[in-house]
Structures are given as structure tokens and as C-alpha cells.
């Protein structure tokens, strides 16, 4: 039997995945995902609603395992047929709603604000872009940034997050305001950083702090009192240049972090 192009197309339909190629490139690269965590882990310590991370007690007791579970949801969104994604987004929102209801019964009416959701999604946008640019050693084009932003925004809208920026330009303005006036040390800042320290060997924790000091916005690094060490600069500069060429060095962050557990941003399940 001879297969015609029409027959082959009928026999093997192509499933259209949610999102864009640039987004799947970011979330399909294990190193890029680890970098999103590295930035988000630092920023969560300054988030004004990070008290939600401590409500269940699971994050401070085992932050790495908790982060590992949350990644399964986020990555799935970008490698799932697009018709399935709205149900996944609703499931994520329902998890948060159930948590709100449970805490409200115990402590009085309390909600996760839309601004808190925006602050969390901004971590995915910001550190996804910064991680890509660091690993690929090039700036993303305006079109790539807008495309990646649009994919993240689509998920936020599916979760019914209100007042989300319309485009990357508006997001950038609000991101700058967020850094300037919203992200500051609070009563949970040191407790969250201490949870990371307890979960990592001393050298690994030092490496995480050194990377964060260079990776996140200087104003945020200053608030967390992250100081750079000149000895780490060489590793920071060298890694993206050798990660695909030197098997022994491939996975610098894996050698330091993955053997304990993958670092994943706490953005889906609190």
C-alpha cells in the first residue's frame, strides 16, 4: 500500500500543543527551569504574601520536595494539547481556592490577592527570560519576549486573574514598580532563606546565594544582603559556554542542587 500525503496526514494527526516554541524551549531546558527557581526562590523571600508558603507547613519543612512537585504542573501546561490546558489552569486555581477556604475557616476571611498572583507570574516571566538569555548568551528579541509573555498571560487569564498587564510593555512598567515599592524584607524573609539553607549542603547553599546575587535585580539582591564573591565569577561566566561541550561540567547546577532535589518555583501549589 502506498501512502499519499493526504493519507499520512489522516493516519497521524499532529497534536497542537499549548504555547509557543520559545516558551517550550525555556521550560523544556532543565537548566533554564533551575534558573527560574534560583531567581524565584530569592524573590519569594521578599514577597509580601509569602506567609501563604508557610500555612501548610510543607514548604519550610521540605522546600525542595515541595518545589519539585509544583514544577510538574507548570511544565505540563506547555507540553499539553491546547484544548486540555483550560482544565489544568482551572485545577490549579481550584487548589488555591480550596486553600483559601480552609485557612478562612481557621483564621477568618482571607484571600490570595490578584496582585500576589501577578507577582508570582512575574517571576516566571522575568526569570524565564533572564535564564534563557544567560544560557543562550544572547538577548531575546522583542517579539520573543512578547510571545513568551503572552503564553504566561494566557494561563493567568484562564485562572481568572484580574488586572493582568495587556502586553510586555505594560508588564515591564509594573515590574519596575513592583521591584521599587512592593518587594521588601518581611517577617518571613529570613525564615524562608533558612529553610533553603537547611535543605542544602553548605557549599551548595553558598553557590545558590552567589548565583542569586548576580542573577536577580541588584535592588533585590541588596535587600537580601547577597554579596558576590570574585571566585564565583569565573564559574558564572564559564557555565553557559561549556554546558553542552563538557560532560563532566554539564549540569553545574545539577551537581550542586539536583542531587538533593530539583529546585522549582512555588507558583502552583502553596
Protein backbone atom coordinates (compact mmCIF):
# COMPACT_ATOMS: atom_id res chain seq x y z
CA UNK A 1 0.00 0.00 0.00
CA UNK A 2 1.37 3.41 -0.98
CA UNK A 3 0.76 6.26 1.47
CA UNK A 4 -0.21 9.55 -0.08
CA UNK A 5 0.40 12.83 1.80
CA UNK A 6 -3.33 13.05 2.47
CA UNK A 7 -3.43 9.51 3.84
CA UNK A 8 -0.41 10.08 6.09
CA UNK A 9 -1.93 13.26 7.49
CA UNK A 10 -5.14 11.39 8.26
CA UNK A 11 -3.33 8.46 9.85
CA UNK A 12 -1.03 10.56 12.04
CA UNK A 13 -2.72 13.79 13.06
CA UNK A 14 -0.40 16.31 14.69
CA UNK A 15 -1.41 17.38 18.18
CA UNK A 16 -1.14 21.12 18.65
CA UNK A 17 0.48 21.96 21.95
CA UNK A 18 -0.33 24.98 24.05
CA UNK A 19 2.00 27.94 23.81
CA UNK A 20 4.89 28.85 21.55
CA UNK A 21 8.19 27.35 20.58
CA UNK A 22 10.16 29.89 22.62
CA UNK A 23 8.15 29.03 25.72
CA UNK A 24 8.72 25.30 25.28
CA UNK A 25 12.42 25.99 24.73
CA UNK A 26 12.56 27.76 28.08
CA UNK A 27 10.52 25.21 30.01
CA UNK A 28 12.00 22.24 28.19
CA UNK A 29 15.53 23.10 29.31
CA UNK A 30 16.20 21.68 32.78
CA UNK A 31 18.90 24.28 33.43
CA UNK A 32 16.54 27.10 32.50
CA UNK A 33 13.94 25.76 34.90
CA UNK A 34 16.53 25.63 37.68
CA UNK A 35 17.40 29.24 36.96
CA UNK A 36 13.75 30.23 37.20
CA UNK A 37 13.78 28.65 40.63
CA UNK A 38 17.02 30.36 41.66
CA UNK A 39 15.52 33.76 40.94
CA UNK A 40 12.06 32.96 42.29
CA UNK A 41 13.43 31.43 45.50
CA UNK A 42 15.14 34.70 46.31
CA UNK A 43 12.19 36.86 45.30
CA UNK A 44 9.69 34.81 47.29
CA UNK A 45 11.62 35.78 50.41
CA UNK A 46 10.64 39.41 49.69
CA UNK A 47 7.07 38.76 48.58
CA UNK A 48 4.52 40.49 50.85
CA UNK A 49 2.21 37.44 50.75
CA UNK A 50 4.85 34.76 51.30
CA UNK A 51 3.04 33.84 54.52
CA UNK A 52 0.92 31.53 52.34
CA UNK A 53 4.00 29.39 51.77
CA UNK A 54 4.13 28.65 55.49
CA UNK A 55 0.47 28.00 56.10
CA UNK A 56 0.55 24.24 55.36
CA UNK A 57 3.98 23.84 56.92
CA UNK A 58 5.15 21.75 53.98
CA UNK A 59 7.42 24.32 52.38
CA UNK A 60 9.63 25.17 55.37
CA UNK A 61 9.88 21.51 56.39
CA UNK A 62 10.90 20.24 52.93
CA UNK A 63 11.15 23.11 50.43
CA UNK A 64 13.00 21.19 47.71
CA UNK A 65 10.48 18.37 47.52
CA UNK A 66 7.66 20.86 47.62
CA UNK A 67 9.16 22.83 44.74
CA UNK A 68 9.72 19.63 42.79
CA UNK A 69 6.02 18.77 42.86
CA UNK A 70 4.92 22.20 41.71
CA UNK A 71 7.03 22.02 38.54
CA UNK A 72 5.02 19.08 37.29
CA UNK A 73 2.00 21.35 36.82
CA UNK A 74 3.79 24.28 35.23
CA UNK A 75 5.79 22.26 32.73
CA UNK A 76 2.77 20.17 31.84
CA UNK A 77 0.94 23.29 30.69
CA UNK A 78 3.45 23.91 27.92
CA UNK A 79 3.66 20.31 26.74
CA UNK A 80 -0.04 19.54 26.71
CA UNK A 81 -2.58 19.73 23.88
CA UNK A 82 -4.04 23.23 23.93
CA UNK A 83 -7.61 22.01 24.39
CA UNK A 84 -6.65 20.42 27.72
CA UNK A 85 -4.91 23.47 29.22
CA UNK A 86 -8.01 25.40 30.40
CA UNK A 87 -9.00 22.44 32.60
CA UNK A 88 -5.47 22.28 34.03
CA UNK A 89 -5.47 26.00 34.74
CA UNK A 90 -8.84 25.70 36.46
CA UNK A 91 -7.50 22.82 38.55
CA UNK A 92 -4.57 24.96 39.68
CA UNK A 93 -6.90 27.80 40.64
CA UNK A 94 -9.19 25.37 42.47
CA UNK A 95 -6.24 24.18 44.56
CA UNK A 96 -5.63 27.76 45.67
CA UNK A 97 -9.33 28.36 46.29
CA UNK A 98 -9.56 25.27 48.49
CA UNK A 99 -6.58 26.50 50.46
CA UNK A 100 -8.19 29.93 50.88
CA UNK A 101 -11.40 28.35 52.17
CA UNK A 102 -9.56 26.11 54.62
CA UNK A 103 -7.49 28.96 56.04
CA UNK A 104 -10.55 31.24 56.19
CA UNK A 105 -12.38 28.70 58.32
CA UNK A 106 -9.46 28.61 60.74
CA UNK A 107 -8.32 32.24 60.78
CA UNK A 108 -11.12 34.34 59.35
CA UNK A 109 -11.74 35.54 55.81
CA UNK A 110 -8.50 35.68 53.81
CA UNK A 111 -7.77 35.60 50.09
CA UNK A 112 -4.75 35.37 47.83
CA UNK A 113 -4.84 38.75 46.10
CA UNK A 114 -4.70 39.23 42.34
CA UNK A 115 -1.58 41.30 42.94
CA UNK A 116 0.05 38.30 44.61
CA UNK A 117 -0.76 36.18 41.57
CA UNK A 118 0.74 38.86 39.33
CA UNK A 119 3.87 38.97 41.47
CA UNK A 120 4.25 35.20 41.14
CA UNK A 121 3.62 35.16 37.40
CA UNK A 122 6.12 37.99 37.02
CA UNK A 123 8.76 35.63 38.43
CA UNK A 124 8.03 33.15 35.66
CA UNK A 125 8.27 35.89 33.07
CA UNK A 126 11.33 37.63 34.44
CA UNK A 127 13.48 34.65 35.32
CA UNK A 128 12.37 32.64 32.31
CA UNK A 129 13.71 35.44 30.11
CA UNK A 130 16.85 36.08 32.17
CA UNK A 131 17.61 32.36 32.32
CA UNK A 132 17.21 31.98 28.57
CA UNK A 133 19.45 34.97 27.87
CA UNK A 134 22.09 33.73 30.30
CA UNK A 135 22.18 30.19 28.92
CA UNK A 136 21.89 31.15 25.24
CA UNK A 137 24.25 34.12 25.65
CA UNK A 138 22.03 36.45 23.68
CA UNK A 139 19.20 38.88 24.29
CA UNK A 140 15.72 37.74 23.40
CA UNK A 141 14.13 39.73 20.62
CA UNK A 142 11.17 41.98 21.35
CA UNK A 143 8.97 39.50 19.51
CA UNK A 144 10.22 36.56 21.59
CA UNK A 145 9.64 38.46 24.83
CA UNK A 146 6.14 39.42 23.78
CA UNK A 147 5.37 35.85 22.72
CA UNK A 148 6.61 34.36 25.98
CA UNK A 149 4.72 36.98 27.98
CA UNK A 150 1.53 36.21 26.03
CA UNK A 151 1.79 32.50 26.85
CA UNK A 152 2.14 33.22 30.58
CA UNK A 153 -0.65 35.78 30.39
CA UNK A 154 -2.95 33.22 28.76
CA UNK A 155 -2.56 30.94 31.78
CA UNK A 156 -3.24 33.84 34.15
CA UNK A 157 -6.44 34.69 32.29
CA UNK A 158 -7.55 31.06 32.35
CA UNK A 159 -7.10 31.21 36.13
CA UNK A 160 -9.29 34.33 36.12
CA UNK A 161 -6.57 36.63 37.45
CA UNK A 162 -7.83 40.17 37.10
CA UNK A 163 -5.97 43.32 36.06
CA UNK A 164 -3.15 41.42 34.35
CA UNK A 165 -0.97 43.57 32.05
CA UNK A 166 -2.12 43.67 28.45
CA UNK A 167 1.33 43.42 26.87
CA UNK A 168 5.01 43.13 27.71
CA UNK A 169 5.49 46.91 27.71
CA UNK A 170 2.83 47.40 30.36
CA UNK A 171 4.21 44.44 32.30
CA UNK A 172 7.70 45.98 32.30
CA UNK A 173 6.35 49.20 33.80
CA UNK A 174 4.51 47.35 36.54
CA UNK A 175 7.50 45.09 37.14
CA UNK A 176 9.70 48.11 37.77
CA UNK A 177 7.12 49.49 40.23
CA UNK A 178 6.92 46.08 41.89
CA UNK A 179 10.67 45.98 42.48
CA UNK A 180 10.73 49.55 43.73
CA UNK A 181 7.82 49.51 46.17
CA UNK A 182 6.38 46.02 46.75
CA UNK A 183 9.23 43.55 47.28
CA UNK A 184 10.82 44.15 50.68
CA UNK A 185 12.04 42.14 53.64
CA UNK A 186 9.27 40.95 55.94
CA UNK A 187 8.82 38.70 58.97
CA UNK A 188 9.14 35.55 56.84
CA UNK A 189 12.19 36.57 54.79
CA UNK A 190 14.85 35.05 56.99
CA UNK A 191 12.73 32.01 57.82
CA UNK A 192 12.37 31.17 54.14
CA UNK A 193 16.06 31.62 53.46
CA UNK A 194 16.82 29.46 56.49
CA UNK A 195 14.61 26.71 55.05
CA UNK A 196 16.75 26.67 51.91
CA UNK A 197 19.92 26.58 53.97
CA UNK A 198 18.74 23.58 55.98
CA UNK A 199 17.92 21.66 52.80
CA UNK A 200 21.32 22.13 51.14
CA UNK A 201 24.88 21.28 51.93
CA UNK A 202 26.89 24.40 52.94
CA UNK A 203 28.75 24.64 49.63
CA UNK A 204 25.55 24.20 47.62
CA UNK A 205 23.77 26.89 49.60
CA UNK A 206 26.74 29.22 49.12
CA UNK A 207 26.61 28.53 45.38
CA UNK A 208 22.90 29.30 45.27
CA UNK A 209 23.39 32.63 47.03
CA UNK A 210 26.30 33.52 44.77
CA UNK A 211 24.24 32.84 41.67
CA UNK A 212 21.25 34.76 43.00
CA UNK A 213 23.47 37.74 43.78
CA UNK A 214 24.34 38.02 40.08
CA UNK A 215 21.04 36.87 38.60
CA UNK A 216 18.29 38.84 40.31
CA UNK A 217 17.76 42.60 40.19
CA UNK A 218 20.55 44.42 42.09
CA UNK A 219 17.99 46.21 44.27
CA UNK A 220 16.50 42.87 45.39
CA UNK A 221 19.95 41.37 45.96
CA UNK A 222 20.81 44.35 48.15
CA UNK A 223 17.68 43.89 50.27
CA UNK A 224 18.60 40.25 50.83
CA UNK A 225 22.19 41.29 51.58
CA UNK A 226 23.52 38.97 48.87
CA UNK A 227 27.18 39.66 48.26
CA UNK A 228 29.18 38.47 45.28
CA UNK A 229 32.44 36.58 45.57
CA UNK A 230 35.08 37.09 42.90
CA UNK A 231 35.93 33.39 42.94
CA UNK A 232 32.43 32.51 41.73
CA UNK A 233 32.54 34.92 38.80
CA UNK A 234 34.57 32.53 36.63
CA UNK A 235 32.09 29.69 37.11
CA UNK A 236 29.17 32.03 36.40
CA UNK A 237 30.77 33.27 33.18
CA UNK A 238 32.02 29.86 32.05
CA UNK A 239 28.98 27.66 32.58
CA UNK A 240 26.78 28.68 29.62
CA UNK A 241 29.82 28.38 27.35
CA UNK A 242 30.68 24.79 28.26
CA UNK A 243 27.44 23.13 29.35
CA UNK A 244 26.90 21.38 26.00
CA UNK A 245 30.57 20.56 25.39
CA UNK A 246 31.96 19.17 28.61
CA UNK A 247 30.17 16.14 30.09
CA UNK A 248 31.92 16.48 33.42
CA UNK A 249 30.75 20.07 33.74
CA UNK A 250 27.38 19.63 32.07
CA UNK A 251 24.89 20.41 34.80
CA UNK A 252 26.82 22.71 37.13
CA UNK A 253 23.59 23.41 38.94
CA UNK A 254 22.73 19.72 38.82
CA UNK A 255 25.96 18.84 40.59
CA UNK A 256 25.25 21.45 43.23
CA UNK A 257 21.48 21.12 43.56
CA UNK A 258 19.80 18.28 41.70
CA UNK A 259 21.36 15.53 43.74
CA UNK A 260 19.37 16.89 46.66
CA UNK A 261 16.20 17.67 44.69
CA UNK A 262 15.21 19.86 41.74
CA UNK A 263 14.62 23.50 42.63
CA UNK A 264 11.25 24.58 41.38
CA UNK A 265 9.42 27.86 41.98
CA UNK A 266 6.49 27.61 44.36
CA UNK A 267 3.93 29.04 41.97
CA UNK A 268 1.25 26.48 41.56
CA UNK A 269 0.61 24.78 44.87
CA UNK A 270 1.03 26.67 48.10
